[in-house]
C-alpha atoms as a PDB file:
ATOM      1  CA  MET A   1       9.063 -63.776 -63.010  1.00  0.00           C
ATOM      2  CA  ASN A   2      12.367 -63.602 -61.151  1.00  0.00           C
ATOM      3  CA  ARG A   3      12.616 -61.100 -58.343  1.00  0.00           C
ATOM      4  CA  VAL A   4      15.662 -58.840 -58.356  1.00  0.00           C
ATOM      5  CA  TRP A   5      17.711 -59.238 -55.177  1.00  0.00           C
ATOM      6  CA  ASP A   6      20.542 -56.955 -54.099  1.00  0.00           C
ATOM      7  CA  ALA A   7      22.561 -59.163 -51.742  1.00  0.00           C
ATOM      8  CA  HIS A   8      24.237 -56.261 -49.948  1.00  0.00           C
ATOM      9  CA  CYS A   9      23.635 -52.523 -49.690  1.00  0.00           C
ATOM     10  CA  HIS A  10      23.075 -49.731 -47.181  1.00  0.00           C
ATOM     11  CA  LEU A  11      19.672 -48.095 -47.687  1.00  0.00           C
ATOM     12  CA  SER A  12      20.121 -46.370 -44.329  1.00  0.00           C
ATOM     13  CA  PHE A  13      22.780 -44.121 -45.877  1.00  0.00           C
ATOM     14  CA  PHE A  14      20.227 -42.520 -48.224  1.00  0.00           C
ATOM     15  CA  SER A  15      17.919 -39.602 -47.428  1.00  0.00           C
ATOM     16  CA  ASP A  16      14.142 -40.088 -47.257  1.00  0.00           C
ATOM     17  CA  GLN A  17      13.762 -38.361 -50.620  1.00  0.00           C
ATOM     18  CA  GLN A  18      16.343 -40.637 -52.215  1.00  0.00           C
ATOM     19  CA  LEU A  19      14.671 -43.693 -50.687  1.00  0.00           C
ATOM     20  CA  SER A  20      11.335 -42.649 -52.147  1.00  0.00           C
ATOM     21  CA  GLU A  21      12.934 -42.449 -55.572  1.00  0.00           C
ATOM     22  CA  ILE A  22      14.704 -45.776 -55.101  1.00  0.00           C
ATOM     23  CA  LEU A  23      11.820 -47.782 -53.643  1.00  0.00           C
ATOM     24  CA  GLN A  24       8.807 -46.177 -55.335  1.00  0.00           C
ATOM     25  CA  ASN A  25       9.683 -44.213 -58.435  1.00  0.00           C
ATOM     26  CA  SER A  26      12.424 -46.221 -60.107  1.00  0.00           C
ATOM     27  CA  PRO A  27      10.988 -48.937 -62.395  1.00  0.00           C
ATOM     28  CA  SER A  28      14.247 -50.894 -62.067  1.00  0.00           C
ATOM     29  CA  ALA A  29      13.983 -50.951 -58.276  1.00  0.00           C
ATOM     30  CA  GLN A  30      10.247 -51.371 -57.688  1.00  0.00           C
ATOM     31  CA  GLU A  31      10.509 -55.168 -57.604  1.00  0.00           C
ATOM     32  CA  THR A  32      13.912 -55.282 -55.941  1.00  0.00           C
ATOM     33  CA  ARG A  33      14.504 -56.607 -52.467  1.00  0.00           C
ATOM     34  CA  PHE A  34      17.547 -55.498 -50.532  1.00  0.00           C
ATOM     35  CA  VAL A  35      19.758 -57.316 -48.020  1.00  0.00           C
ATOM     36  CA  GLN A  36      21.260 -54.746 -45.667  1.00  0.00           C
ATOM     37  CA  GLY A  37      24.698 -54.480 -44.107  1.00  0.00           C
ATOM     38  CA  GLY A  38      24.715 -53.372 -40.469  1.00  0.00           C
ATOM     39  CA  TYR A  39      27.113 -50.669 -39.291  1.00  0.00           C
ATOM     40  CA  ASN A  40      26.344 -49.115 -35.870  1.00  0.00           C
ATOM     41  CA  PRO A  41      23.358 -48.344 -33.571  1.00  0.00           C
ATOM     42  CA  LYS A  42      22.292 -45.302 -35.601  1.00  0.00           C
ATOM     43  CA  ASP A  43      22.212 -47.485 -38.706  1.00  0.00           C
ATOM     44  CA  TRP A  44      20.180 -50.246 -37.009  1.00  0.00           C
ATOM     45  CA  HIS A  45      17.447 -47.824 -35.958  1.00  0.00           C
ATOM     46  CA  ARG A  46      17.412 -46.260 -39.407  1.00  0.00           C
ATOM     47  CA  GLN A  47      16.930 -49.719 -40.926  1.00  0.00           C
ATOM     48  CA  LEU A  48      14.005 -50.371 -38.582  1.00  0.00           C
ATOM     49  CA  ASP A  49      12.403 -47.070 -39.549  1.00  0.00           C
ATOM     50  CA  ILE A  50      12.767 -47.727 -43.283  1.00  0.00           C
ATOM     51  CA  SER A  51      11.443 -51.282 -42.971  1.00  0.00           C
ATOM     52  CA  GLN A  52       8.273 -50.029 -41.277  1.00  0.00           C
ATOM     53  CA  ARG A  53       7.589 -47.690 -44.193  1.00  0.00           C
ATOM     54  CA  TYR A  54       8.546 -50.217 -46.856  1.00  0.00           C
ATOM     55  CA  PRO A  55       7.616 -53.635 -45.417  1.00  0.00           C
ATOM     56  CA  GLN A  56       8.909 -56.793 -47.071  1.00  0.00           C
ATOM     57  CA  ARG A  57      11.411 -54.852 -49.163  1.00  0.00           C
ATOM     58  CA  MET A  58      14.556 -55.271 -47.096  1.00  0.00           C
ATOM     59  CA  ALA A  59      16.214 -57.914 -44.941  1.00  0.00           C
ATOM     60  CA  LEU A  60      17.546 -56.196 -41.825  1.00  0.00           C
ATOM     61  CA  CYS A  61      21.117 -56.799 -40.726  1.00  0.00           C
ATOM     62  CA  PHE A  62      22.479 -55.603 -37.375  1.00  0.00           C
ATOM     63  CA  GLY A  63      26.112 -55.679 -36.326  1.00  0.00           C
ATOM     64  CA  LEU A  64      29.105 -53.579 -35.351  1.00  0.00           C
ATOM     65  CA  HIS A  65      31.109 -53.067 -38.532  1.00  0.00           C
ATOM     66  CA  PRO A  66      34.899 -53.379 -38.076  1.00  0.00           C
ATOM     67  CA  TRP A  67      35.247 -49.758 -39.224  1.00  0.00           C
ATOM     68  CA  ALA A  68      32.701 -48.587 -36.640  1.00  0.00           C
ATOM     69  CA  LEU A  69      34.556 -50.388 -33.851  1.00  0.00           C
ATOM     70  CA  GLN A  70      37.696 -48.396 -34.629  1.00  0.00           C
ATOM     71  CA  LYS A  71      35.837 -45.114 -34.063  1.00  0.00           C
ATOM     72  CA  MET A  72      34.447 -46.013 -30.613  1.00  0.00           C
ATOM     73  CA  ASN A  73      35.976 -45.888 -27.157  1.00  0.00           C
ATOM     74  CA  VAL A  74      35.602 -48.779 -24.708  1.00  0.00           C
ATOM     75  CA  HIS A  75      32.407 -47.413 -23.140  1.00  0.00           C
ATOM     76  CA  GLN A  76      30.787 -46.729 -26.515  1.00  0.00           C
ATOM     77  CA  ARG A  77      31.627 -50.203 -27.799  1.00  0.00           C
ATOM     78  CA  GLU A  78      30.157 -51.975 -24.774  1.00  0.00           C
ATOM     79  CA  GLU A  79      27.073 -49.770 -24.812  1.00  0.00           C
ATOM     80  CA  ALA A  80      26.585 -50.492 -28.518  1.00  0.00           C
ATOM     81  CA  TRP A  81      27.104 -54.214 -27.975  1.00  0.00           C
ATOM     82  CA  ASN A  82      24.521 -54.280 -25.206  1.00  0.00           C
ATOM     83  CA  GLU A  83      22.050 -52.563 -27.524  1.00  0.00           C
ATOM     84  CA  LEU A  84      22.855 -55.028 -30.299  1.00  0.00           C
ATOM     85  CA  THR A  85      22.090 -58.013 -28.081  1.00  0.00           C
ATOM     86  CA  HIS A  86      18.653 -56.521 -27.363  1.00  0.00           C
ATOM     87  CA  LEU A  87      17.864 -55.597 -30.986  1.00  0.00           C
ATOM     88  CA  ALA A  88      19.395 -58.544 -32.837  1.00  0.00           C
ATOM     89  CA  SER A  89      16.243 -60.675 -32.718  1.00  0.00           C
ATOM     90  CA  LYS A  90      14.555 -58.103 -34.984  1.00  0.00           C
ATOM     91  CA  ALA A  91      17.171 -58.604 -37.720  1.00  0.00           C
ATOM     92  CA  ALA A  92      17.316 -61.302 -40.381  1.00  0.00           C
ATOM     93  CA  LEU A  93      21.121 -61.426 -40.327  1.00  0.00           C
ATOM     94  CA  ILE A  94      23.973 -60.551 -37.971  1.00  0.00           C
ATOM     95  CA  GLY A  95      26.706 -58.295 -39.350  1.00  0.00           C
ATOM     96  CA  GLU A  96      28.601 -56.768 -40.862  1.00  0.00           C
ATOM     97  CA  THR A  97      31.295 -58.414 -38.827  1.00  0.00           C
ATOM     98  CA  GLY A  98      34.778 -59.670 -39.493  1.00  0.00           C
ATOM     99  CA  ILE A  99      38.402 -58.597 -39.541  1.00  0.00           C
ATOM    100  CA  ASP A 100      39.780 -55.821 -41.734  1.00  0.00           C
ATOM    101  CA  HIS A 101      43.567 -55.599 -41.617  1.00  0.00           C
ATOM    102  CA  TRP A 102      43.494 -52.738 -44.100  1.00  0.00           C
ATOM    103  CA  VAL A 103      42.165 -50.423 -41.372  1.00  0.00           C
ATOM    104  CA  ALA A 104      43.477 -52.362 -38.351  1.00  0.00           C
ATOM    105  CA  LYS A 105      47.226 -52.361 -38.863  1.00  0.00           C
ATOM    106  CA  GLU A 106      48.248 -52.326 -35.189  1.00  0.00           C
ATOM    107  CA  LYS A 107      47.948 -55.385 -32.961  1.00  0.00           C
ATOM    108  CA  ALA A 108      45.602 -53.682 -30.477  1.00  0.00           C
ATOM    109  CA  SER A 109      43.131 -52.852 -33.261  1.00  0.00           C
ATOM    110  CA  GLN A 110      43.411 -56.340 -34.724  1.00  0.00           C
ATOM    111  CA  ASP A 111      42.799 -57.912 -31.313  1.00  0.00           C
ATOM    112  CA  LEU A 112      39.713 -55.719 -30.890  1.00  0.00           C
ATOM    113  CA  GLN A 113      38.269 -56.870 -34.210  1.00  0.00           C
ATOM    114  CA  PHE A 114      39.106 -60.480 -33.336  1.00  0.00           C
ATOM    115  CA  GLU A 115      37.218 -60.224 -30.031  1.00  0.00           C
ATOM    116  CA  PHE A 116      34.097 -58.693 -31.553  1.00  0.00           C
ATOM    117  CA  PHE A 117      34.126 -61.087 -34.498  1.00  0.00           C
ATOM    118  CA  LYS A 118      33.894 -63.979 -32.038  1.00  0.00           C
ATOM    119  CA  ARG A 119      31.132 -62.179 -30.139  1.00  0.00           C
ATOM    120  CA  HIS A 120      29.128 -61.812 -33.360  1.00  0.00           C
ATOM    121  CA  LEU A 121      29.566 -65.515 -34.155  1.00  0.00           C
ATOM    122  CA  GLN A 122      28.273 -66.474 -30.724  1.00  0.00           C
ATOM    123  CA  LEU A 123      25.337 -64.068 -31.046  1.00  0.00           C
ATOM    124  CA  ALA A 124      24.396 -65.441 -34.471  1.00  0.00           C
ATOM    125  CA  ASN A 125      24.555 -68.981 -33.123  1.00  0.00           C
ATOM    126  CA  SER A 126      22.391 -68.142 -30.122  1.00  0.00           C
ATOM    127  CA  LEU A 127      19.698 -66.692 -32.410  1.00  0.00           C
ATOM    128  CA  ASN A 128      20.103 -69.131 -35.331  1.00  0.00           C
ATOM    129  CA  LYS A 129      20.727 -66.288 -37.765  1.00  0.00           C
ATOM    130  CA  PRO A 130      23.089 -66.130 -40.759  1.00  0.00           C
ATOM    131  CA  LEU A 131      26.092 -63.809 -40.807  1.00  0.00           C
ATOM    132  CA  VAL A 132      27.292 -61.068 -43.134  1.00  0.00           C
ATOM    133  CA  LEU A 133      31.090 -61.036 -43.239  1.00  0.00           C
ATOM    134  CA  HIS A 134      33.404 -58.116 -44.026  1.00  0.00           C
ATOM    135  CA  ILE A 135      36.895 -59.554 -44.459  1.00  0.00           C
ATOM    136  CA  VAL A 136      39.918 -57.685 -45.816  1.00  0.00           C
ATOM    137  CA  ARG A 137      43.460 -59.092 -45.825  1.00  0.00           C
ATOM    138  CA  ALA A 138      42.529 -61.588 -43.112  1.00  0.00           C
ATOM    139  CA  HIS A 139      40.863 -64.566 -44.808  1.00  0.00           C
ATOM    140  CA  ASP A 140      43.137 -67.240 -43.318  1.00  0.00           C
ATOM    141  CA  LEU A 141      42.523 -65.944 -39.793  1.00  0.00           C
ATOM    142  CA  CYS A 142      38.761 -65.607 -40.263  1.00  0.00           C
ATOM    143  CA  ILE A 143      38.414 -69.072 -41.754  1.00  0.00           C
ATOM    144  CA  LYS A 144      40.360 -70.465 -38.780  1.00  0.00           C
ATOM    145  CA  ILE A 145      37.988 -68.708 -36.353  1.00  0.00           C
ATOM    146  CA  LEU A 146      34.918 -69.930 -38.248  1.00  0.00           C
ATOM    147  CA  ARG A 147      36.171 -73.514 -38.104  1.00  0.00           C
ATOM    148  CA  GLU A 148      36.768 -73.205 -34.360  1.00  0.00           C
ATOM    149  CA  THR A 149      33.244 -71.843 -33.804  1.00  0.00           C
ATOM    150  CA  PRO A 150      30.875 -74.119 -35.745  1.00  0.00           C
ATOM    151  CA  LEU A 151      27.777 -72.263 -36.896  1.00  0.00           C
ATOM    152  CA  SER A 152      24.292 -73.481 -36.071  1.00  0.00           C
ATOM    153  CA  LEU A 153      22.805 -73.084 -39.568  1.00  0.00           C
ATOM    154  CA  PRO A 154      23.632 -75.160 -42.667  1.00  0.00           C
ATOM    155  CA  TRP A 155      23.792 -71.901 -44.656  1.00  0.00           C
ATOM    156  CA  ALA A 156      26.088 -69.753 -42.550  1.00  0.00           C
ATOM    157  CA  GLY A 157      25.580 -66.493 -44.440  1.00  0.00           C
ATOM    158  CA  ILE A 158      27.276 -64.159 -46.901  1.00  0.00           C
ATOM    159  CA  VAL A 159      30.884 -63.153 -47.504  1.00  0.00           C
ATOM    160  CA  HIS A 160      30.180 -59.717 -48.886  1.00  0.00           C
ATOM    161  CA  SER A 161      32.160 -57.989 -51.652  1.00  0.00           C
ATOM    162  CA  TYR A 162      34.558 -60.912 -51.926  1.00  0.00           C
ATOM    163  CA  THR A 163      37.980 -60.196 -53.442  1.00  0.00           C
ATOM    164  CA  GLY A 164      40.046 -63.137 -52.193  1.00  0.00           C
ATOM    165  CA  ASN A 165      41.374 -66.139 -54.081  1.00  0.00           C
ATOM    166  CA  LEU A 166      39.687 -69.375 -55.145  1.00  0.00           C
ATOM    167  CA  GLU A 167      41.178 -71.449 -52.314  1.00  0.00           C
ATOM    168  CA  TRP A 168      39.700 -69.195 -49.636  1.00  0.00           C
ATOM    169  CA  ALA A 169      36.394 -68.950 -51.498  1.00  0.00           C
ATOM    170  CA  GLN A 170      36.087 -72.734 -51.532  1.00  0.00           C
ATOM    171  CA  LYS A 171      36.783 -72.878 -47.798  1.00  0.00           C
ATOM    172  CA  TYR A 172      34.020 -70.347 -47.106  1.00  0.00           C
ATOM    173  CA  ILE A 173      31.667 -72.335 -49.332  1.00  0.00           C
ATOM    174  CA  ASN A 174      32.517 -75.553 -47.480  1.00  0.00           C
ATOM    175  CA  ILE A 175      31.669 -73.834 -44.181  1.00  0.00           C
ATOM    176  CA  GLY A 176      28.302 -72.768 -45.615  1.00  0.00           C
ATOM    177  CA  PHE A 177      28.769 -69.241 -46.956  1.00  0.00           C
ATOM    178  CA  PHE A 178      27.700 -67.690 -50.221  1.00  0.00           C
ATOM    179  CA  ILE A 179      30.310 -65.621 -52.060  1.00  0.00           C
ATOM    180  CA  SER A 180      28.873 -62.208 -52.934  1.00  0.00           C
ATOM    181  CA  ILE A 181      30.280 -60.264 -55.878  1.00  0.00           C
ATOM    182  CA  GLY A 182      29.885 -56.523 -56.359  1.00  0.00           C
ATOM    183  CA  PRO A 183      30.537 -53.802 -58.943  1.00  0.00           C
ATOM    184  CA  ARG A 184      34.230 -54.675 -59.159  1.00  0.00           C
ATOM    185  CA  LEU A 185      33.139 -57.380 -61.610  1.00  0.00           C
ATOM    186  CA  LEU A 186      32.225 -54.633 -64.100  1.00  0.00           C
ATOM    187  CA  LYS A 187      35.857 -53.546 -64.446  1.00  0.00           C
ATOM    188  CA  LYS A 188      37.083 -55.268 -67.596  1.00  0.00           C
ATOM    189  CA  SER A 189      40.679 -54.840 -66.469  1.00  0.00           C
ATOM    190  CA  ASP A 190      40.117 -56.821 -63.268  1.00  0.00           C
ATOM    191  CA  ARG A 191      41.095 -60.270 -64.451  1.00  0.00           C
ATOM    192  CA  LEU A 192      41.527 -61.565 -60.893  1.00  0.00           C
ATOM    193  CA  ILE A 193      37.855 -61.351 -59.954  1.00  0.00           C
ATOM    194  CA  ARG A 194      36.690 -62.512 -63.391  1.00  0.00           C
ATOM    195  CA  ASN A 195      38.924 -65.580 -63.325  1.00  0.00           C
ATOM    196  CA  LEU A 196      37.733 -66.335 -59.797  1.00  0.00           C
ATOM    197  CA  ILE A 197      34.071 -66.174 -60.786  1.00  0.00           C
ATOM    198  CA  ALA A 198      34.647 -68.439 -63.766  1.00  0.00           C
ATOM    199  CA  SER A 199      35.696 -71.183 -61.332  1.00  0.00           C
ATOM    200  CA  ILE A 200      32.781 -70.951 -58.862  1.00  0.00           C
ATOM    201  CA  ASP A 201      29.374 -72.499 -59.521  1.00  0.00           C
ATOM    202  CA  LEU A 202      26.457 -70.053 -59.635  1.00  0.00           C
ATOM    203  CA  LYS A 203      24.756 -71.939 -56.812  1.00  0.00           C
ATOM    204  CA  HIS A 204      27.426 -70.522 -54.476  1.00  0.00           C
ATOM    205  CA  LEU A 205      27.334 -66.915 -55.734  1.00  0.00           C
ATOM    206  CA  LEU A 206      25.327 -63.784 -54.944  1.00  0.00           C
ATOM    207  CA  ILE A 207      25.368 -60.348 -56.570  1.00  0.00           C
ATOM    208  CA  GLU A 208      25.385 -57.050 -54.690  1.00  0.00           C
ATOM    209  CA  SER A 209      25.580 -53.311 -55.317  1.00  0.00           C
ATOM    210  CA  ASP A 210      27.244 -52.415 -51.975  1.00  0.00           C
ATOM    211  CA  ALA A 211      25.545 -49.055 -52.522  1.00  0.00           C
ATOM    212  CA  PRO A 212      26.284 -46.318 -51.882  1.00  0.00           C
ATOM    213  CA  ALA A 213      29.928 -46.466 -52.930  1.00  0.00           C
ATOM    214  CA  ASP A 214      30.494 -43.102 -51.229  1.00  0.00           C
ATOM    215  CA  PRO A 215      28.388 -42.694 -48.033  1.00  0.00           C
ATOM    216  CA  GLN A 216      29.249 -38.976 -47.969  1.00  0.00           C
ATOM    217  CA  ASN A 217      27.690 -38.530 -51.407  1.00  0.00           C
ATOM    218  CA  PRO A 218      25.151 -41.360 -51.705  1.00  0.00           C
ATOM    219  CA  VAL A 219      24.049 -42.134 -55.250  1.00  0.00           C
ATOM    220  CA  TRP A 220      21.897 -45.054 -56.344  1.00  0.00           C
ATOM    221  CA  ASP A 221      22.306 -46.750 -59.708  1.00  0.00           C
ATOM    222  CA  PRO A 222      19.119 -48.818 -60.126  1.00  0.00           C
ATOM    223  CA  GLY A 223      20.604 -50.765 -63.013  1.00  0.00           C
ATOM    224  CA  ILE A 224      23.773 -51.903 -61.274  1.00  0.00           C
ATOM    225  CA  ILE A 225      22.465 -55.331 -60.221  1.00  0.00           C
ATOM    226  CA  CYS A 226      21.257 -56.071 -63.747  1.00  0.00           C
ATOM    227  CA  SER A 227      24.641 -54.982 -65.134  1.00  0.00           C
ATOM    228  CA  ILE A 228      26.478 -57.282 -62.726  1.00  0.00           C
ATOM    229  CA  ALA A 229      24.122 -60.163 -63.579  1.00  0.00           C
ATOM    230  CA  GLU A 230      24.642 -59.576 -67.300  1.00  0.00           C
ATOM    231  CA  THR A 231      28.430 -59.553 -66.912  1.00  0.00           C
ATOM    232  CA  LEU A 232      28.338 -62.656 -64.726  1.00  0.00           C
ATOM    233  CA  GLY A 233      26.151 -64.361 -67.325  1.00  0.00           C
ATOM    234  CA  ARG A 234      28.668 -63.636 -70.081  1.00  0.00           C
ATOM    235  CA  ILE A 235      31.487 -65.066 -67.969  1.00  0.00           C
ATOM    236  CA  LYS A 236      29.471 -68.195 -67.102  1.00  0.00           C
ATOM    237  CA  LYS A 237      27.961 -68.429 -70.612  1.00  0.00           C
ATOM    238  CA  VAL A 238      24.370 -68.358 -69.356  1.00  0.00           C
ATOM    239  CA  SER A 239      21.549 -65.843 -69.700  1.00  0.00           C
ATOM    240  CA  THR A 240      21.090 -62.840 -67.435  1.00  0.00           C
ATOM    241  CA  GLU A 241      17.730 -64.331 -66.452  1.00  0.00           C
ATOM    242  CA  SER A 242      19.444 -67.546 -65.325  1.00  0.00           C
ATOM    243  CA  VAL A 243      21.830 -65.550 -63.143  1.00  0.00           C
ATOM    244  CA  MET A 244      18.934 -63.598 -61.616  1.00  0.00           C
ATOM    245  CA  ALA A 245      16.968 -66.785 -60.971  1.00  0.00           C
ATOM    246  CA  GLN A 246      19.899 -68.487 -59.245  1.00  0.00           C
ATOM    247  CA  ASN A 247      20.650 -65.338 -57.226  1.00  0.00           C
ATOM    248  CA  GLN A 248      17.043 -65.308 -56.009  1.00  0.00           C
ATOM    249  CA  GLN A 249      17.126 -69.019 -55.190  1.00  0.00           C
ATOM    250  CA  ASN A 250      20.388 -68.658 -53.262  1.00  0.00           C
ATOM    251  CA  ILE A 251      19.144 -65.735 -51.178  1.00  0.00           C
ATOM    252  CA  GLU A 252      15.829 -67.448 -50.475  1.00  0.00           C
ATOM    253  CA  THR A 253      17.838 -70.376 -49.086  1.00  0.00           C
ATOM    254  CA  LEU A 254      18.805 -68.061 -46.215  1.00  0.00           C
ATOM    255  CA  ASN A 255      15.104 -67.721 -45.277  1.00  0.00           C
ATOM    256  CA  LEU A 256      15.444 -64.004 -44.544  1.00  0.00           C
ATOM    257  CA  PHE A 257      11.720 -63.280 -44.394  1.00  0.00           C
ATOM    258  CA  GLY A 258      10.695 -66.210 -42.234  1.00  0.00           C
END
């Protein structure tokens, strides 16, 4: 039986009651494992707490999200980074990290994201851990940085919620990243993402919920991963079960549970 894997979500954004419903009471989620996306120190500690109560259900991911960086002053950023370097060995992946030019429109903000992206790459290399990338409107720059900082693992990690073009996707794949596709695939009107997926082999793809879509009003749809897998299967002309099996195999390649 194939295990259901959600390649990217934020369980730390849910309340304890919601987590109980997600991880214990929902038949669709009882056999699901979840790869996390790191955000800030509060999030890292919340992940650790949840993982102790629900062992072997989630792959921890610690990093300073580009959005979180924008909300911190210099002292807060350095304090958070120091904490990350001490906690990172407890995580399976390093991230979310990357460059987001949608939120960083000024050069000072872009330079800040650039600096911390390189720090995350060096940290991941020092610990031999895969990365989780958050890249928006900056794929050329990020690919250039990744090529200048060779990663220590053959499977470098995950480009989460990918919305770029096929050329960039192939470059990430060549570096060693999986391309993770989220709920945007369910929009029938989004021909861009559907045409992209049609051109990428399943062995390079992952599926994710990126839940919750709205952290201020967190809602979990336990069937979202199955819906994405079903849609992906129709595009690739294979069964939903085949998509799920390949998704599991791809994630297990990252060796997130040792």
